Amino acid sequence: MSGRSDTDSSDYNNFIRGLRGALPYLEEYYNETFVIKISGSTLQQQNLSGIIDDLILLYRIGIKIIIVHGAGPQIRQALHFHNHPGKTIEGRLLVAAPSLPIVQQAVATANWNLITKMNRYGRDIFPFSGHFVQAEKTSFSEETEPHCTGKVHDINVKALQHAFSHNYLPIIAPFATGEKGRLWILEPNQIALEVAVRLRTRKLVILDCEENLPIFEVDQLRETTTKKMAQWLEKSTSIKIESRMQINALIEACERGVERCHLLNSSVDGAVLGEVLTSAGTGIMVTNSAYERIRFAKLHDIYRITQILDQPANNSALVRKSHTYLEQHIENFLVFCIDEELAGCCELIFSDESKSVEIASLAVKQEYRNRGIGKQLIAAAQEQAILHHQTMLFALTTKASHIFTASGFKEIDPNRLPQKKRTDYDFQDSLIYGKFLA
């Protein structure tokens, strides 16, 4: 076996930690559907192959992918080449009837190039572009000449589901037919929005290059609600209309039932994987669901629970729990999740003898401390105790703990504890905090 340098070992360890950290996301999103909207500018980027690599990876691990692509730059370049005037109204390209064949060719070429690139990934990849969208003419607030700019009228959900059942990877171009076979040029963000909503997909992801994205206060908006994003958008009057349309699509998708929507800088290497498979993320996420939540632990959480408990156990602040113990009692652990990253945990030990619950192994990862996570875990433990008709919560600790007193606990006499706990535990160096429940 060849030896590794310190740098190699560090890279290897980081890779293993990253892979293990991604496992909960892989399990969570297996067989779920993501809509990925790729802008026309992104299709022209040098790192497009890397983006497709990442999408194919998600596809191969069991995530259903629908790609909606734009073709804005391609259309503008084609119109300019043919000396056709291009006019934009309300952020939308107004496609005059004489320009339709040129625009159609530009969109079809962009679509074909994307399909061709994805066909290179092997026989198990079946990119497929079909008539999934029905369109109708769009109306503008100002009077316009006759045009071929449309809007989404309907999505052929059954056709998309049929494509999935045959392992196809649907790719939707920004044009569609309407009544009497007329062709309409569509706005790709609207297509992505409607597909995500009508298929009830898990995520909507919009990818665009850096120069087309608004400048966010990332620390404030990394994870945000539709309400906060709408308020930010209302105050940000200098944002380009195209960016405003992207953000409005994310907000509307969340309001209509898509769990989480993301706006990513496609110039960042690995942006999609970093956003989908890590808690830190790489872009902006809009959601109406709980990004932070408490749930009962699962078997695949054991490794990360061990990591959380290791430091306090090393400092003798907690009793070390073996892997075997965790396997046997995993259903008694509550975990605090930030997305699917575990930030803290605690164990609930029920005593039928005395109608009491012990809060044990309460710990929070170093980087997430002083954010109220421990207090929220204690509150969740209290809810479970009340739900199971218990009359007392208690915890044992080797040093004074303000987290318990701040949650309404008081020091109590050991004689108030269950008989089994009094027999098995040495109270000489311990403090006992208890809370009696109505």
Protein backbone atom coordinates (compact mmCIF):
# COMPACT_ATOMS: atom_id res chain seq x y z
CA MET A 1 0.00 0.00 0.00
CA SER A 2 1.46 3.35 -1.02
CA GLY A 3 1.84 6.08 1.58
CA ARG A 4 0.01 9.43 1.41
CA SER A 5 1.44 12.86 1.96
CA ASP A 6 -0.18 15.12 4.58
CA THR A 7 -1.88 17.05 1.77
CA ASP A 8 -3.19 13.86 0.18
CA SER A 9 -4.46 12.63 3.55
CA SER A 10 -6.23 15.92 4.19
CA ASP A 11 -7.88 15.84 0.76
CA TYR A 12 -8.87 12.22 1.30
CA ASN A 13 -10.37 12.92 4.74
CA ASN A 14 -12.27 15.92 3.39
CA PHE A 15 -13.63 13.77 0.57
CA ILE A 16 -14.81 11.07 2.98
CA ARG A 17 -16.44 13.62 5.30
CA GLY A 18 -18.14 15.30 2.35
CA LEU A 19 -19.40 12.00 1.00
CA ARG A 20 -20.79 10.96 4.38
CA GLY A 21 -22.38 14.38 4.79
CA ALA A 22 -24.13 13.96 1.43
CA LEU A 23 -25.67 10.58 2.28
CA PRO A 24 -28.74 11.98 4.09
CA TYR A 25 -29.51 14.19 1.10
CA LEU A 26 -29.14 11.28 -1.30
CA GLU A 27 -31.61 9.27 0.76
CA GLU A 28 -33.96 12.23 1.18
CA TYR A 29 -34.11 13.06 -2.54
CA TYR A 30 -34.13 9.56 -4.03
CA ASN A 31 -36.94 9.26 -6.59
CA GLU A 32 -37.85 12.94 -6.11
CA THR A 33 -38.19 15.35 -9.04
CA PHE A 34 -36.12 18.50 -9.60
CA VAL A 35 -36.76 21.10 -12.29
CA ILE A 36 -33.48 22.69 -13.39
CA LYS A 37 -33.75 25.86 -15.48
CA ILE A 38 -30.54 26.62 -17.41
CA SER A 39 -30.28 30.10 -18.91
CA GLY A 40 -29.18 30.68 -22.49
CA SER A 41 -26.08 32.44 -21.14
CA THR A 42 -25.19 29.36 -19.11
CA LEU A 43 -25.44 27.23 -22.25
CA GLN A 44 -22.61 29.35 -23.69
CA GLN A 45 -20.31 29.02 -20.67
CA GLN A 46 -17.06 27.09 -20.86
CA ASN A 47 -17.99 25.11 -17.73
CA LEU A 48 -21.25 23.78 -19.25
CA SER A 49 -19.78 20.27 -19.40
CA GLY A 50 -19.14 20.38 -15.64
CA ILE A 51 -22.74 21.48 -15.01
CA ILE A 52 -24.04 18.60 -17.14
CA ASP A 53 -21.68 16.22 -15.27
CA ASP A 54 -23.35 17.24 -12.00
CA LEU A 55 -26.89 16.89 -13.38
CA ILE A 56 -26.09 13.44 -14.77
CA LEU A 57 -24.71 12.44 -11.36
CA LEU A 58 -27.99 13.45 -9.69
CA TYR A 59 -29.91 11.59 -12.38
CA ARG A 60 -27.85 8.42 -11.92
CA ILE A 61 -28.32 8.34 -8.14
CA GLY A 62 -32.08 8.29 -8.56
CA ILE A 63 -33.23 11.93 -8.77
CA LYS A 64 -35.63 12.67 -11.60
CA ILE A 65 -34.39 15.67 -13.57
CA ILE A 66 -36.38 17.93 -15.89
CA ILE A 67 -34.28 20.54 -17.70
CA VAL A 68 -35.83 23.76 -18.98
CA HIS A 69 -33.41 25.89 -20.97
CA GLY A 70 -33.41 29.43 -22.23
CA ALA A 71 -31.97 30.83 -25.46
CA GLY A 72 -31.94 34.60 -24.97
CA PRO A 73 -28.39 35.33 -26.20
CA GLN A 74 -28.75 32.85 -29.06
CA ILE A 75 -31.94 34.57 -30.23
CA ARG A 76 -30.43 38.06 -30.01
CA GLN A 77 -27.33 36.94 -31.94
CA ALA A 78 -29.47 35.37 -34.68
CA LEU A 79 -31.69 38.45 -35.02
CA HIS A 80 -28.64 40.68 -35.23
CA PHE A 81 -27.04 38.44 -37.87
CA HIS A 82 -30.16 38.63 -40.05
CA ASN A 83 -30.63 42.37 -39.44
CA HIS A 84 -33.98 41.84 -37.74
CA PRO A 85 -34.89 44.34 -35.04
CA GLY A 86 -35.36 42.94 -31.55
CA LYS A 87 -37.73 44.60 -29.10
CA THR A 88 -38.17 43.85 -25.40
CA ILE A 89 -41.32 44.70 -23.45
CA GLU A 90 -41.72 44.05 -19.71
CA GLY A 91 -38.62 41.86 -19.80
CA ARG A 92 -39.99 39.72 -22.63
CA LEU A 93 -38.71 39.52 -26.19
CA LEU A 94 -41.41 40.64 -28.58
CA VAL A 95 -41.13 38.25 -31.51
CA ALA A 96 -42.60 39.82 -34.64
CA ALA A 97 -44.11 37.36 -37.13
CA PRO A 98 -41.37 37.91 -39.79
CA SER A 99 -38.72 37.08 -37.17
CA LEU A 100 -40.34 33.84 -35.99
CA PRO A 101 -38.39 31.45 -38.30
CA ILE A 102 -35.10 32.99 -37.17
CA VAL A 103 -36.02 32.76 -33.51
CA GLN A 104 -37.34 29.22 -33.93
CA GLN A 105 -34.05 28.15 -35.54
CA ALA A 106 -31.99 29.74 -32.74
CA VAL A 107 -34.03 27.97 -30.03
CA ALA A 108 -33.96 24.64 -31.86
CA THR A 109 -30.19 24.86 -32.31
CA ALA A 110 -29.64 25.58 -28.61
CA ASN A 111 -31.93 22.66 -27.74
CA TRP A 112 -30.19 20.28 -30.15
CA ASN A 113 -26.73 21.23 -28.91
CA LEU A 114 -27.74 20.51 -25.30
CA ILE A 115 -29.26 17.14 -26.20
CA THR A 116 -26.16 16.23 -28.20
CA LYS A 117 -23.87 17.01 -25.26
CA MET A 118 -25.99 14.88 -22.92
CA ASN A 119 -26.10 11.97 -25.38
CA ARG A 120 -22.36 11.54 -24.87
CA TYR A 121 -22.85 10.22 -21.34
CA GLY A 122 -23.69 6.67 -22.31
CA ARG A 123 -26.54 4.44 -23.29
CA ASP A 124 -28.28 4.74 -19.94
CA ILE A 125 -28.91 8.47 -20.52
CA PHE A 126 -31.93 9.24 -22.69
CA PRO A 127 -32.33 13.02 -23.09
CA PHE A 128 -35.66 13.69 -24.75
CA SER A 129 -37.23 16.92 -25.97
CA GLY A 130 -40.91 16.80 -26.85
CA HIS A 131 -44.18 18.72 -26.80
CA PHE A 132 -44.72 18.92 -23.06
CA VAL A 133 -46.08 22.50 -23.06
CA GLN A 134 -49.16 24.07 -24.61
CA ALA A 135 -49.09 27.83 -25.16
CA GLU A 136 -51.25 30.80 -25.96
CA LYS A 137 -50.64 34.40 -26.93
CA THR A 138 -49.48 36.71 -24.20
CA SER A 139 -50.89 40.20 -23.73
CA PHE A 140 -48.81 43.20 -22.76
CA SER A 141 -49.89 46.27 -20.85
CA GLU A 142 -49.05 48.47 -23.83
CA GLU A 143 -50.37 48.03 -27.34
CA THR A 144 -48.08 46.07 -29.63
CA GLU A 145 -47.81 44.95 -33.22
CA PRO A 146 -48.85 41.37 -34.07
CA HIS A 147 -46.36 39.03 -32.44
CA CYS A 148 -45.55 35.42 -31.60
CA THR A 149 -44.62 35.85 -27.93
CA GLY A 150 -46.64 33.44 -25.83
CA LYS A 151 -47.24 32.22 -22.31
CA VAL A 152 -47.80 28.79 -20.79
CA HIS A 153 -51.37 27.56 -21.12
CA ASP A 154 -50.95 23.97 -19.92
CA ILE A 155 -48.33 21.34 -19.06
CA ASN A 156 -48.69 17.76 -20.31
CA VAL A 157 -48.06 16.16 -16.93
CA LYS A 158 -48.91 12.65 -18.13
CA ALA A 159 -46.35 12.87 -20.93
CA LEU A 160 -43.63 13.90 -18.48
CA GLN A 161 -44.57 11.10 -16.09
CA HIS A 162 -44.55 8.67 -19.01
CA ALA A 163 -41.07 9.89 -19.94
CA PHE A 164 -39.87 9.19 -16.39
CA SER A 165 -41.36 5.70 -16.43
CA HIS A 166 -39.15 4.92 -19.45
CA ASN A 167 -36.06 6.51 -17.86
CA TYR A 168 -36.05 9.50 -20.22
CA LEU A 169 -34.56 12.81 -19.13
CA PRO A 170 -36.96 15.50 -20.40
CA ILE A 171 -35.49 18.69 -21.88
CA ILE A 172 -37.94 21.52 -22.53
CA ALA A 173 -37.13 24.35 -24.97
CA PRO A 174 -38.69 27.82 -24.65
CA PHE A 175 -41.24 27.41 -27.42
CA ALA A 176 -44.51 25.52 -27.74
CA THR A 177 -47.55 25.16 -29.96
CA GLY A 178 -51.03 26.41 -29.28
CA GLU A 179 -54.40 26.40 -31.03
CA LYS A 180 -54.30 25.59 -34.75
CA GLY A 181 -50.66 24.55 -34.38
CA ARG A 182 -49.34 28.09 -33.99
CA LEU A 183 -45.84 28.36 -32.56
CA TRP A 184 -45.23 30.63 -29.57
CA ILE A 185 -41.91 31.73 -28.05
CA LEU A 186 -42.07 31.43 -24.26
CA GLU A 187 -40.27 32.83 -21.22
CA PRO A 188 -38.23 29.90 -19.75
CA ASN A 189 -38.62 30.94 -16.10
CA GLN A 190 -42.39 30.71 -16.51
CA ILE A 191 -42.09 27.26 -18.07
CA ALA A 192 -39.88 26.05 -15.21
CA LEU A 193 -42.30 27.52 -12.66
CA GLU A 194 -45.37 25.87 -14.18
CA VAL A 195 -43.67 22.49 -14.65
CA ALA A 196 -42.43 22.50 -11.04
CA VAL A 197 -45.83 23.47 -9.64
CA ARG A 198 -47.97 21.14 -11.73
CA LEU A 199 -45.72 18.12 -11.15
CA ARG A 200 -45.39 19.00 -7.45
CA THR A 201 -41.62 18.69 -7.70
CA ARG A 202 -39.32 18.82 -4.69
CA LYS A 203 -37.12 21.61 -6.02
CA LEU A 204 -36.93 24.32 -8.65
CA VAL A 205 -33.37 25.42 -9.42
CA ILE A 206 -32.57 28.40 -11.65
CA LEU A 207 -29.02 28.58 -13.01
CA ASP A 208 -27.65 31.75 -14.56
CA CYS A 209 -24.24 33.32 -15.05
CA GLU A 210 -22.93 35.82 -12.53
CA GLU A 211 -23.43 38.97 -14.60
CA ASN A 212 -27.16 38.24 -14.90
CA LEU A 213 -27.75 37.74 -11.19
CA PRO A 214 -28.72 40.43 -8.68
CA ILE A 215 -26.29 41.28 -5.90
CA PHE A 216 -27.64 39.79 -2.67
CA GLU A 217 -26.68 40.35 0.92
CA VAL A 218 -25.84 36.64 1.04
CA ASP A 219 -25.60 36.41 4.84
CA GLN A 220 -29.15 37.76 5.11
CA LEU A 221 -30.72 35.91 2.20
CA ARG A 222 -28.87 32.59 2.05
CA GLU A 223 -32.02 30.87 3.30
CA THR A 224 -35.13 33.00 3.27
CA THR A 225 -38.90 32.86 3.11
CA THR A 226 -41.08 34.04 0.26
CA LYS A 227 -42.29 36.96 2.39
CA LYS A 228 -38.78 38.20 3.17
CA MET A 229 -37.66 37.75 -0.42
CA ALA A 230 -40.66 39.67 -1.72
CA GLN A 231 -39.94 42.50 0.74
CA TRP A 232 -36.29 42.57 -0.37
CA LEU A 233 -37.35 42.62 -4.01
CA GLU A 234 -39.74 45.52 -3.41
CA LYS A 235 -36.96 47.60 -1.84
CA SER A 236 -34.40 46.71 -4.53
CA THR A 237 -35.67 49.00 -7.27
CA SER A 238 -32.44 48.91 -9.33
CA ILE A 239 -32.61 45.18 -10.15
CA LYS A 240 -32.86 44.35 -13.84
CA ILE A 241 -36.26 43.18 -15.04
CA GLU A 242 -34.84 39.79 -16.09
CA SER A 243 -33.50 39.14 -12.58
CA ARG A 244 -36.77 40.30 -11.09
CA MET A 245 -38.61 37.74 -13.23
CA GLN A 246 -36.33 34.95 -11.98
CA ILE A 247 -36.89 35.84 -8.34
CA ASN A 248 -40.65 36.22 -8.82
CA ALA A 249 -40.71 32.73 -10.38
CA LEU A 250 -39.01 31.31 -7.27
CA ILE A 251 -41.40 33.12 -4.93
CA GLU A 252 -44.51 32.04 -6.85
CA ALA A 253 -43.32 28.43 -7.08
CA CYS A 254 -42.93 28.27 -3.29
CA GLU A 255 -46.29 29.91 -2.72
CA ARG A 256 -47.88 27.31 -4.99
CA GLY A 257 -46.39 24.32 -3.24
CA VAL A 258 -42.80 23.70 -4.39
CA GLU A 259 -40.88 22.96 -1.21
CA ARG A 260 -37.61 24.74 -1.96
CA CYS A 261 -36.45 26.97 -4.79
CA HIS A 262 -32.88 28.00 -5.54
CA LEU A 263 -31.10 30.70 -7.53
CA LEU A 264 -27.51 29.70 -8.36
CA ASN A 265 -24.51 31.26 -10.03
CA SER A 266 -23.72 28.82 -12.84
CA SER A 267 -20.17 30.19 -13.06
CA VAL A 268 -19.36 28.54 -9.70
CA ASP A 269 -17.88 25.08 -10.14
CA GLY A 270 -20.17 22.43 -8.64
CA ALA A 271 -22.90 24.96 -7.78
CA VAL A 272 -25.75 22.46 -8.16
CA LEU A 273 -24.11 19.69 -6.11
CA GLY A 274 -23.01 22.16 -3.44
CA GLU A 275 -26.53 23.54 -3.13
CA VAL A 276 -28.39 20.23 -3.19
CA LEU A 277 -26.06 17.97 -1.19
CA THR A 278 -24.70 20.25 1.56
CA SER A 279 -26.23 22.39 4.29
CA ALA A 280 -23.91 25.34 3.53
CA GLY A 281 -25.14 25.60 -0.05
CA THR A 282 -23.78 27.84 -2.78
CA GLY A 283 -26.62 30.20 -3.67
CA ILE A 284 -29.94 31.61 -2.51
CA MET A 285 -32.75 29.37 -1.28
CA VAL A 286 -36.39 30.43 -0.96
CA THR A 287 -38.77 28.26 1.01
CA ASN A 288 -42.08 28.26 2.82
CA SER A 289 -41.27 25.04 4.70
CA ALA A 290 -39.13 24.56 7.78
CA TYR A 291 -35.47 24.74 6.82
CA GLU A 292 -34.53 24.10 10.44
CA ARG A 293 -36.46 21.33 12.15
CA ILE A 294 -36.34 18.70 14.88
CA ARG A 295 -37.11 15.07 14.08
CA PHE A 296 -36.49 11.61 15.49
CA ALA A 297 -33.19 10.07 14.43
CA LYS A 298 -32.76 7.33 11.85
CA LEU A 299 -30.13 4.63 11.53
CA HIS A 300 -28.18 6.59 8.92
CA ASP A 301 -27.76 9.39 11.50
CA ILE A 302 -25.60 7.27 13.84
CA TYR A 303 -22.26 8.38 12.39
CA ARG A 304 -23.14 12.07 12.66
CA ILE A 305 -24.61 11.67 16.16
CA THR A 306 -21.33 10.05 17.21
CA GLN A 307 -19.46 13.07 15.82
CA ILE A 308 -21.67 15.45 17.80
CA LEU A 309 -21.21 13.47 21.04
CA ASP A 310 -17.46 12.86 20.69
CA GLN A 311 -16.22 16.26 21.88
CA PRO A 312 -18.31 16.51 25.09
CA ALA A 313 -17.54 12.84 25.80
CA ASN A 314 -13.82 13.52 25.43
CA ASN A 315 -14.21 16.39 27.91
CA SER A 316 -16.12 14.09 30.32
CA ALA A 317 -19.18 16.31 29.99
CA LEU A 318 -21.24 13.38 28.65
CA VAL A 319 -21.20 9.63 29.06
CA ARG A 320 -19.79 8.09 25.88
CA LYS A 321 -22.35 6.04 23.92
CA SER A 322 -21.13 3.08 21.89
CA HIS A 323 -22.13 2.42 18.29
CA THR A 324 -24.04 -0.66 19.46
CA TYR A 325 -25.94 1.37 22.04
CA LEU A 326 -26.89 3.96 19.42
CA GLU A 327 -28.11 1.23 17.05
CA GLN A 328 -30.31 -0.25 19.78
CA HIS A 329 -31.72 3.08 21.00
CA ILE A 330 -31.67 5.28 17.89
CA GLU A 331 -35.45 5.72 17.95
CA ASN A 332 -35.12 7.54 21.30
CA PHE A 333 -32.88 10.31 19.89
CA LEU A 334 -34.10 13.68 18.72
CA VAL A 335 -31.90 15.52 16.20
CA PHE A 336 -31.87 19.18 15.19
CA CYS A 337 -31.49 19.50 11.42
CA ILE A 338 -30.41 22.48 9.37
CA ASP A 339 -31.63 21.23 6.03
CA GLU A 340 -30.27 17.66 6.37
CA GLU A 341 -27.17 18.61 8.36
CA LEU A 342 -27.32 17.46 12.01
CA ALA A 343 -26.45 20.31 14.36
CA GLY A 344 -27.47 18.82 17.71
CA CYS A 345 -29.10 15.89 19.45
CA CYS A 346 -30.51 14.55 22.69
CA GLU A 347 -31.80 11.22 23.97
CA LEU A 348 -35.15 10.65 25.69
CA ILE A 349 -35.14 7.85 28.28
CA PHE A 350 -38.65 7.02 29.42
CA SER A 351 -39.41 5.49 32.83
CA ASP A 352 -42.81 3.83 33.05
CA GLU A 353 -42.22 3.29 36.76
CA SER A 354 -42.31 6.99 37.66
CA LYS A 355 -43.92 8.65 34.61
CA SER A 356 -40.71 10.56 33.97
CA VAL A 357 -38.37 11.24 31.07
CA GLU A 358 -34.63 11.78 31.28
CA ILE A 359 -32.98 14.13 28.78
CA ALA A 360 -29.58 12.59 28.12
CA SER A 361 -26.76 13.16 25.60
CA LEU A 362 -27.81 16.76 24.94
CA ALA A 363 -25.11 18.20 22.68
CA VAL A 364 -24.70 20.76 19.89
CA LYS A 365 -21.91 20.89 17.31
CA GLN A 366 -19.29 23.54 18.07
CA GLU A 367 -20.05 25.67 14.99
CA TYR A 368 -23.78 25.83 15.80
CA ARG A 369 -23.60 26.77 19.48
CA ASN A 370 -25.16 29.92 20.97
CA ARG A 371 -28.02 29.80 18.48
CA GLY A 372 -30.70 28.40 20.82
CA ILE A 373 -30.54 24.87 19.40
CA GLY A 374 -30.11 23.17 22.79
CA LYS A 375 -33.08 25.05 24.18
CA GLN A 376 -35.20 24.00 21.19
CA LEU A 377 -34.23 20.36 21.73
CA ILE A 378 -35.28 20.62 25.39
CA ALA A 379 -38.62 22.14 24.30
CA ALA A 380 -39.11 19.28 21.85
CA ALA A 381 -38.32 16.76 24.60
CA GLN A 382 -40.95 18.42 26.79
CA GLU A 383 -43.52 18.15 24.00
CA GLN A 384 -42.81 14.42 23.70
CA ALA A 385 -43.11 13.97 27.46
CA ILE A 386 -46.49 15.69 27.51
CA LEU A 387 -47.60 13.72 24.46
CA HIS A 388 -46.81 10.48 26.32
CA HIS A 389 -48.52 11.68 29.53
CA GLN A 390 -45.31 11.89 31.59
CA THR A 391 -45.23 14.04 34.71
CA MET A 392 -41.56 14.97 35.02
CA LEU A 393 -38.52 15.80 32.91
CA PHE A 394 -35.05 15.57 34.41
CA ALA A 395 -31.40 15.76 33.40
CA LEU A 396 -28.13 14.95 35.13
CA THR A 397 -25.01 17.01 34.53
CA THR A 398 -21.56 17.40 36.07
CA LYS A 399 -21.67 21.18 36.05
CA ALA A 400 -24.20 23.97 36.37
CA SER A 401 -26.21 24.30 33.21
CA HIS A 402 -27.95 27.58 32.42
CA ILE A 403 -29.67 25.96 29.45
CA PHE A 404 -31.88 23.94 31.80
CA THR A 405 -32.62 26.76 34.25
CA ALA A 406 -33.49 28.99 31.29
CA SER A 407 -35.98 26.32 30.21
CA GLY A 408 -37.78 26.28 33.57
CA PHE A 409 -35.82 23.47 35.28
CA LYS A 410 -34.74 23.59 38.93
CA GLU A 411 -32.29 21.56 40.96
CA ILE A 412 -34.08 18.66 42.61
CA ASP A 413 -33.30 16.00 45.20
CA PRO A 414 -32.09 12.59 43.90
CA ASN A 415 -34.96 10.96 45.77
CA ARG A 416 -37.36 12.42 43.21
CA LEU A 417 -35.79 10.29 40.47
CA PRO A 418 -36.91 6.82 39.34
CA GLN A 419 -35.66 3.97 41.56
CA LYS A 420 -33.59 2.44 38.75
CA LYS A 421 -31.78 5.71 38.12
CA ARG A 422 -31.05 6.17 41.86
CA THR A 423 -29.58 2.65 41.98
CA ASP A 424 -27.43 2.87 38.83
CA TYR A 425 -26.01 6.37 39.07
CA ASP A 426 -23.38 7.99 41.30
CA PHE A 427 -24.76 11.42 42.24
CA GLN A 428 -21.73 12.57 44.18
CA ASP A 429 -20.39 14.82 41.41
CA SER A 430 -23.67 15.49 39.62
CA LEU A 431 -26.33 18.13 39.58
CA ILE A 432 -29.92 17.08 38.93
CA TYR A 433 -32.30 19.40 37.09
CA GLY A 434 -35.99 18.61 37.00
CA LYS A 435 -39.21 20.09 35.67
CA PHE A 436 -42.66 18.93 36.70
CA LEU A 437 -45.30 18.89 34.02
CA ALA A 438 -48.96 19.69 34.47
